[in-house]
Structures are given as structure tokens and as C-alpha cells.
């Protein structure tokens, strides 16, 4: 199977994108870069929130903030399209800071209401973290909110080129040392994930949907998942499965040690009011990630 998939990748690498299509793609990217600031101002870019649920209890342990863009000209634009387009412009920093600020503002409200989950997660690309001041700005926002760093999780996409990850390694280490959780998102979608685990202070691995579904095929593949999860646990890394749509699959993953599930089997992404109501019904306090969160809670809360 590996050789077949390798051949498939080689076939796709050899495909040349027609000049006309490439031009259209470039035009769309340029449009998004030019329109993004106005879209934020006019409310066309907004955020939704998806619960991250502990499968053995059904408790919502964390929440991920996700950006959405409804454009008057292009219609709904997928994050898979607009994030890479913005990454080629300064607008990526606006997206990053808007996401983090919105996430922490909502987390503060949840904390004041007594329904805050363990953390809120924000996707950040390596391009967003290349700025040497990125980690200091994040920590400053946390201090201004009176929040401990452990309530924030920065998710980095595993599919990003490894040289981009390396270029922001200092920023990642600084955030981790202060108590911010670091997650590798879409683990299994790239080609050097295990190498990056040895280079970065990863607390959480989020299995991408394709890799997660492969483990569900039969008893042998589930045993392999169990071994993988145990190995990660020994390294202090929790495993979360994304894109799970069937409750039976979530339950099976929970039995082999997967820490949490994010997927439609529990909830689609929700607006602010709906995720708040979800937390009131399904939220719980406590520490399911382990030592880092406990230390952050003991030492960071209320130091602002």
C-alpha cells in the first residue's frame, strides 16, 4: 500500500496546472488578500467553535475556534483556500491576532460564568509565527485578560513544510515554556511528523481524519492505534482524533486511550451562543491533559 500511495503522489507531482487555471487561482488569492481587512471590518469574517469531547464521559474538555468567510463576491470561502492565500500577505497576522483575541475574550466570559473548558485552541500557521514578536504578543493578550497561559492551545498544521516549522521554533518553545499548549494538527497528513515531534515541545497530537479512519478498519489496526497512543502517553503527549462522525467510532477510540474526539458525532461547529449553551450542558472542569495544565493552573492564574 505504501508503494502504491507513493506512486500516486509522484503522479500528482508530475501534473502541470494549466496556465489559465493558475491565473484564476492567482487572481482569487490576490482578491482575498485585498478584501480581507474590509471583510473583517464588515463582519463577513466571523468565528465558530467546535467542542473537543472526552469520549469516555461525553464531557466537553476543550473548544477550537474556526474562522469562516462569507464574501459578497465569491460566496463562502473555505479556510483551506483563504488561509494559504493570506499566508502570502501581511493579512495572515490580522487573522492570527483576531482569532487569538476573539478566543480569549470568549474564554474570559466562560470563566466568569464558571463554564470554561480546560483550554481553547487556535490554528496558527508557521507563516503567522515567523514574526519574532508573535509569542510576546500572545502572552501579553493573556496577561491583559488575567488568564493563565495553559488556557490557550496553539495548533500547528503538520502538513506545513518542515523548514517553515523550523523558522518559528524559538517562538513555539517560548510559548510552551510559559505554559501554552502546543498541538500538531492534522497529524499524518505530512511526511515528517515523527521528526518534528523530536524538535518541538508538542503536548497534543490531532490525528487527521484519513489516518484516524485507517485505524478503525479492524482489530489489528485498532491494536496499532492502542500501541501508538501508549507510546505518545509515555512521551507526555495526548492524542485527539478529528473528523469522527459516528459515535461507535468515538467509543472505540476512547477504549484504546484516545484522549478526546472532535467531530460531527458530538457537534458541528457552533456560533457563540450555541457553544456557550453546549458548555453549560456538557462542560466539566478538571485536568485531562496532565502535568502542564496543572502547573499552569497553580502558577499562572491571576498573575496579570
Foldseek 3Di string as FASTA:
>chain_A
DVVVVVVVVVVVVPDDDDPVVVVVLVVVLVCLQVCVVVQVVVVQKDKFKFFWAFLVARFGQEIEIDIWGADPVPGTDDCVRRQVSNLVDPCNLVVQVVRLLVQLVLQLVCVVVVLHHLAYEYEHELSNQLPPCVLVVSVVSCVVSLHFQQRYEYEYEPADDVVSVVSRQVSQVVSVVSLHAYEHECPPPHDCRVVVVVRHPHQEYEHEAVLLVVLVPDPVSVVVLLVVQVVCVVVLHAYEYEADQDSVSSNSSSVSRRRTYTHPVSHDTHHSVVVSVVSVVRHDDDDSSDDSSVVSVVPGGRPD
